[in-house]
Amino acid sequence: MIAFPAGTTAWIAGGVTDMRRGMNTLALAVQQGLGRDLHGGEIFCFRGR
């Protein structure tokens, strides 16, 4: 189990994500789709098939 600091928000993407997109494209999806700051201390989780 991974322990995160208290107050950390975790975002879980619903549906299937194409994991071939790479880190930069997934980061762009977080910024544009959710309007979130990547350096704000939040955790973003994606799942493939």
PDB file of N, CA and C in Angstrom:
ATOM      1  N   MET A   1       0.843  -1.170   0.000  1.00  0.00           N
ATOM      2  CA  MET A   1       0.000   0.000   0.000  1.00  0.00           C
ATOM      3  C   MET A   1       0.891   1.237   0.000  1.00  0.00           C
ATOM      4  N   ILE A   2       0.482   2.234  -0.754  1.00  0.00           N
ATOM      5  CA  ILE A   2       1.229   3.491  -0.832  1.00  0.00           C
ATOM      6  C   ILE A   2       0.537   4.510   0.058  1.00  0.00           C
ATOM      7  N   ALA A   3       1.290   5.111   0.965  1.00  0.00           N
ATOM      8  CA  ALA A   3       0.727   6.123   1.865  1.00  0.00           C
ATOM      9  C   ALA A   3       0.966   7.509   1.275  1.00  0.00           C
ATOM     10  N   PHE A   4      -0.068   8.327   1.241  1.00  0.00           N
ATOM     11  CA  PHE A   4       0.024   9.694   0.754  1.00  0.00           C
ATOM     12  C   PHE A   4      -0.161  10.647   1.926  1.00  0.00           C
ATOM     13  N   PRO A   5       0.381  11.837   1.830  1.00  0.00           N
ATOM     14  CA  PRO A   5       0.197  12.814   2.910  1.00  0.00           C
ATOM     15  C   PRO A   5      -1.290  13.124   3.129  1.00  0.00           C
ATOM     16  N   ALA A   6      -1.642  13.477   4.339  1.00  0.00           N
ATOM     17  CA  ALA A   6      -3.028  13.825   4.649  1.00  0.00           C
ATOM     18  C   ALA A   6      -3.473  15.003   3.801  1.00  0.00           C
ATOM     19  N   GLY A   7      -4.688  14.940   3.322  1.00  0.00           N
ATOM     20  CA  GLY A   7      -5.248  16.022   2.523  1.00  0.00           C
ATOM     21  C   GLY A   7      -4.933  15.930   1.037  1.00  0.00           C
ATOM     22  N   THR A   8      -4.258  14.873   0.615  1.00  0.00           N
ATOM     23  CA  THR A   8      -3.944  14.700  -0.806  1.00  0.00           C
ATOM     24  C   THR A   8      -5.197  14.264  -1.549  1.00  0.00           C
ATOM     25  N   THR A   9      -5.470  14.921  -2.679  1.00  0.00           N
ATOM     26  CA  THR A   9      -6.624  14.586  -3.502  1.00  0.00           C
ATOM     27  C   THR A   9      -6.184  13.668  -4.630  1.00  0.00           C
ATOM     28  N   ALA A  10      -6.923  12.583  -4.833  1.00  0.00           N
ATOM     29  CA  ALA A  10      -6.628  11.652  -5.928  1.00  0.00           C
ATOM     30  C   ALA A  10      -7.765  11.719  -6.940  1.00  0.00           C
ATOM     31  N   TRP A  11      -7.415  11.922  -8.199  1.00  0.00           N
ATOM     32  CA  TRP A  11      -8.366  11.948  -9.299  1.00  0.00           C
ATOM     33  C   TRP A  11      -8.204  10.649 -10.072  1.00  0.00           C
ATOM     34  N   ILE A  12      -9.308   9.940 -10.308  1.00  0.00           N
ATOM     35  CA  ILE A  12      -9.280   8.685 -11.052  1.00  0.00           C
ATOM     36  C   ILE A  12     -10.081   8.883 -12.333  1.00  0.00           C
ATOM     37  N   ALA A  13      -9.427   8.672 -13.464  1.00  0.00           N
ATOM     38  CA  ALA A  13     -10.093   8.846 -14.756  1.00  0.00           C
ATOM     39  C   ALA A  13     -11.046   7.683 -14.995  1.00  0.00           C
ATOM     40  N   GLY A  14     -12.286   7.995 -15.300  1.00  0.00           N
ATOM     41  CA  GLY A  14     -13.266   6.972 -15.625  1.00  0.00           C
ATOM     42  C   GLY A  14     -13.096   6.542 -17.074  1.00  0.00           C
ATOM     43  N   GLY A  15     -13.411   5.318 -17.364  1.00  0.00           N
ATOM     44  CA  GLY A  15     -13.270   4.824 -18.723  1.00  0.00           C
ATOM     45  C   GLY A  15     -11.869   4.313 -18.990  1.00  0.00           C
ATOM     46  N   VAL A  16     -11.597   4.050 -20.248  1.00  0.00           N
ATOM     47  CA  VAL A  16     -10.313   3.488 -20.655  1.00  0.00           C
ATOM     48  C   VAL A  16      -9.458   4.594 -21.266  1.00  0.00           C
ATOM     49  N   THR A  17      -8.201   4.648 -20.864  1.00  0.00           N
ATOM     50  CA  THR A  17      -7.250   5.627 -21.389  1.00  0.00           C
ATOM     51  C   THR A  17      -6.235   4.911 -22.264  1.00  0.00           C
ATOM     52  N   ASP A  18      -5.932   5.489 -23.411  1.00  0.00           N
ATOM     53  CA  ASP A  18      -4.914   4.924 -24.287  1.00  0.00           C
ATOM     54  C   ASP A  18      -3.553   5.235 -23.678  1.00  0.00           C
ATOM     55  N   MET A  19      -2.933   4.239 -23.043  1.00  0.00           N
ATOM     56  CA  MET A  19      -1.681   4.444 -22.331  1.00  0.00           C
ATOM     57  C   MET A  19      -0.490   4.625 -23.273  1.00  0.00           C
ATOM     58  N   ARG A  20      -0.698   4.465 -24.575  1.00  0.00           N
ATOM     59  CA  ARG A  20       0.371   4.715 -25.536  1.00  0.00           C
ATOM     60  C   ARG A  20       0.590   6.209 -25.751  1.00  0.00           C
ATOM     61  N   ARG A  21      -0.282   7.020 -25.218  1.00  0.00           N
ATOM     62  CA  ARG A  21      -0.210   8.458 -25.430  1.00  0.00           C
ATOM     63  C   ARG A  21       1.036   9.080 -24.812  1.00  0.00           C
ATOM     64  N   GLY A  22       1.527   8.537 -23.726  1.00  0.00           N
ATOM     65  CA  GLY A  22       2.723   9.066 -23.079  1.00  0.00           C
ATOM     66  C   GLY A  22       2.409  10.096 -22.005  1.00  0.00           C
ATOM     67  N   MET A  23       3.421  10.392 -21.201  1.00  0.00           N
ATOM     68  CA  MET A  23       3.250  11.293 -20.057  1.00  0.00           C
ATOM     69  C   MET A  23       2.848  12.699 -20.459  1.00  0.00           C
ATOM     70  N   ASN A  24       3.463  13.229 -21.498  1.00  0.00           N
ATOM     71  CA  ASN A  24       3.167  14.614 -21.885  1.00  0.00           C
ATOM     72  C   ASN A  24       1.725  14.787 -22.332  1.00  0.00           C
ATOM     73  N   THR A  25       1.203  13.833 -23.085  1.00  0.00           N
ATOM     74  CA  THR A  25      -0.174  13.919 -23.560  1.00  0.00           C
ATOM     75  C   THR A  25      -1.162  13.700 -22.420  1.00  0.00           C
ATOM     76  N   LEU A  26      -0.841  12.808 -21.488  1.00  0.00           N
ATOM     77  CA  LEU A  26      -1.712  12.614 -20.325  1.00  0.00           C
ATOM     78  C   LEU A  26      -1.709  13.863 -19.446  1.00  0.00           C
ATOM     79  N   ALA A  27      -0.552  14.492 -19.299  1.00  0.00           N
ATOM     80  CA  ALA A  27      -0.469  15.732 -18.519  1.00  0.00           C
ATOM     81  C   ALA A  27      -1.293  16.835 -19.177  1.00  0.00           C
ATOM     82  N   LEU A  28      -1.244  16.912 -20.485  1.00  0.00           N
ATOM     83  CA  LEU A  28      -2.038  17.905 -21.206  1.00  0.00           C
ATOM     84  C   LEU A  28      -3.527  17.644 -21.016  1.00  0.00           C
ATOM     85  N   ALA A  29      -3.923  16.382 -20.999  1.00  0.00           N
ATOM     86  CA  ALA A  29      -5.324  16.024 -20.775  1.00  0.00           C
ATOM     87  C   ALA A  29      -5.782  16.472 -19.387  1.00  0.00           C
ATOM     88  N   VAL A  30      -4.914  16.357 -18.396  1.00  0.00           N
ATOM     89  CA  VAL A  30      -5.248  16.804 -17.041  1.00  0.00           C
ATOM     90  C   VAL A  30      -5.415  18.315 -17.015  1.00  0.00           C
ATOM     91  N   GLN A  31      -4.486  19.032 -17.651  1.00  0.00           N
ATOM     92  CA  GLN A  31      -4.538  20.489 -17.646  1.00  0.00           C
ATOM     93  C   GLN A  31      -5.749  21.015 -18.395  1.00  0.00           C
ATOM     94  N   GLN A  32      -6.016  20.478 -19.576  1.00  0.00           N
ATOM     95  CA  GLN A  32      -7.117  20.982 -20.391  1.00  0.00           C
ATOM     96  C   GLN A  32      -8.463  20.403 -19.982  1.00  0.00           C
ATOM     97  N   GLY A  33      -8.506  19.119 -19.725  1.00  0.00           N
ATOM     98  CA  GLY A  33      -9.777  18.457 -19.408  1.00  0.00           C
ATOM     99  C   GLY A  33     -10.293  18.762 -18.018  1.00  0.00           C
ATOM    100  N   LEU A  34      -9.405  18.798 -17.043  1.00  0.00           N
ATOM    101  CA  LEU A  34      -9.816  19.030 -15.658  1.00  0.00           C
ATOM    102  C   LEU A  34      -9.523  20.439 -15.175  1.00  0.00           C
ATOM    103  N   GLY A  35      -8.647  21.128 -15.897  1.00  0.00           N
ATOM    104  CA  GLY A  35      -8.268  22.472 -15.473  1.00  0.00           C
ATOM    105  C   GLY A  35      -7.477  22.476 -14.173  1.00  0.00           C
ATOM    106  N   ARG A  36      -6.714  21.412 -13.936  1.00  0.00           N
ATOM    107  CA  ARG A  36      -5.959  21.267 -12.683  1.00  0.00           C
ATOM    108  C   ARG A  36      -4.487  21.586 -12.905  1.00  0.00           C
ATOM    109  N   ASP A  37      -3.816  22.010 -11.841  1.00  0.00           N
ATOM    110  CA  ASP A  37      -2.385  22.275 -11.866  1.00  0.00           C
ATOM    111  C   ASP A  37      -1.645  20.975 -11.578  1.00  0.00           C
ATOM    112  N   LEU A  38      -0.728  20.613 -12.458  1.00  0.00           N
ATOM    113  CA  LEU A  38       0.010  19.358 -12.286  1.00  0.00           C
ATOM    114  C   LEU A  38       0.950  19.386 -11.086  1.00  0.00           C
ATOM    115  N   HIS A  39       1.295  20.552 -10.628  1.00  0.00           N
ATOM    116  CA  HIS A  39       2.247  20.694  -9.525  1.00  0.00           C
ATOM    117  C   HIS A  39       1.544  21.116  -8.233  1.00  0.00           C
ATOM    118  N   GLY A  40       0.250  20.842  -8.145  1.00  0.00           N
ATOM    119  CA  GLY A  40      -0.537  21.256  -6.995  1.00  0.00           C
ATOM    120  C   GLY A  40      -0.620  20.222  -5.883  1.00  0.00           C
ATOM    121  N   GLY A  41       0.113  19.120  -5.990  1.00  0.00           N
ATOM    122  CA  GLY A  41       0.103  18.107  -4.936  1.00  0.00           C
ATOM    123  C   GLY A  41      -1.030  17.098  -5.058  1.00  0.00           C
ATOM    124  N   GLU A  42      -1.702  17.054  -6.203  1.00  0.00           N
ATOM    125  CA  GLU A  42      -2.761  16.093  -6.408  1.00  0.00           C
ATOM    126  C   GLU A  42      -2.217  14.884  -7.176  1.00  0.00           C
ATOM    127  N   ILE A  43      -2.947  13.773  -7.116  1.00  0.00           N
ATOM    128  CA  ILE A  43      -2.562  12.540  -7.790  1.00  0.00           C
ATOM    129  C   ILE A  43      -3.589  12.234  -8.861  1.00  0.00           C
ATOM    130  N   PHE A  44      -3.114  11.906 -10.063  1.00  0.00           N
ATOM    131  CA  PHE A  44      -3.992  11.594 -11.185  1.00  0.00           C
ATOM    132  C   PHE A  44      -3.739  10.162 -11.611  1.00  0.00           C
ATOM    133  N   CYS A  45      -4.803   9.366 -11.652  1.00  0.00           N
ATOM    134  CA  CYS A  45      -4.689   7.938 -11.996  1.00  0.00           C
ATOM    135  C   CYS A  45      -5.453   7.655 -13.282  1.00  0.00           C
ATOM    136  N   PHE A  46      -4.796   6.945 -14.179  1.00  0.00           N
ATOM    137  CA  PHE A  46      -5.412   6.523 -15.432  1.00  0.00           C
ATOM    138  C   PHE A  46      -5.354   5.012 -15.503  1.00  0.00           C
ATOM    139  N   ARG A  47      -6.271   4.419 -16.271  1.00  0.00           N
ATOM    140  CA  ARG A  47      -6.230   2.973 -16.433  1.00  0.00           C
ATOM    141  C   ARG A  47      -6.339   2.631 -17.904  1.00  0.00           C
ATOM    142  N   GLY A  48      -5.597   1.587 -18.293  1.00  0.00           N
ATOM    143  CA  GLY A  48      -5.669   1.095 -19.659  1.00  0.00           C
ATOM    144  C   GLY A  48      -6.693  -0.023 -19.752  1.00  0.00           C
ATOM    145  N   ARG A  49      -6.643  -0.767 -20.792  1.00  0.00           N
ATOM    146  CA  ARG A  49      -7.601  -1.879 -20.937  1.00  0.00           C
ATOM    147  C   ARG A  49      -7.245  -3.025 -20.047  1.00  0.00           C
TER     148      ARG A  49
END
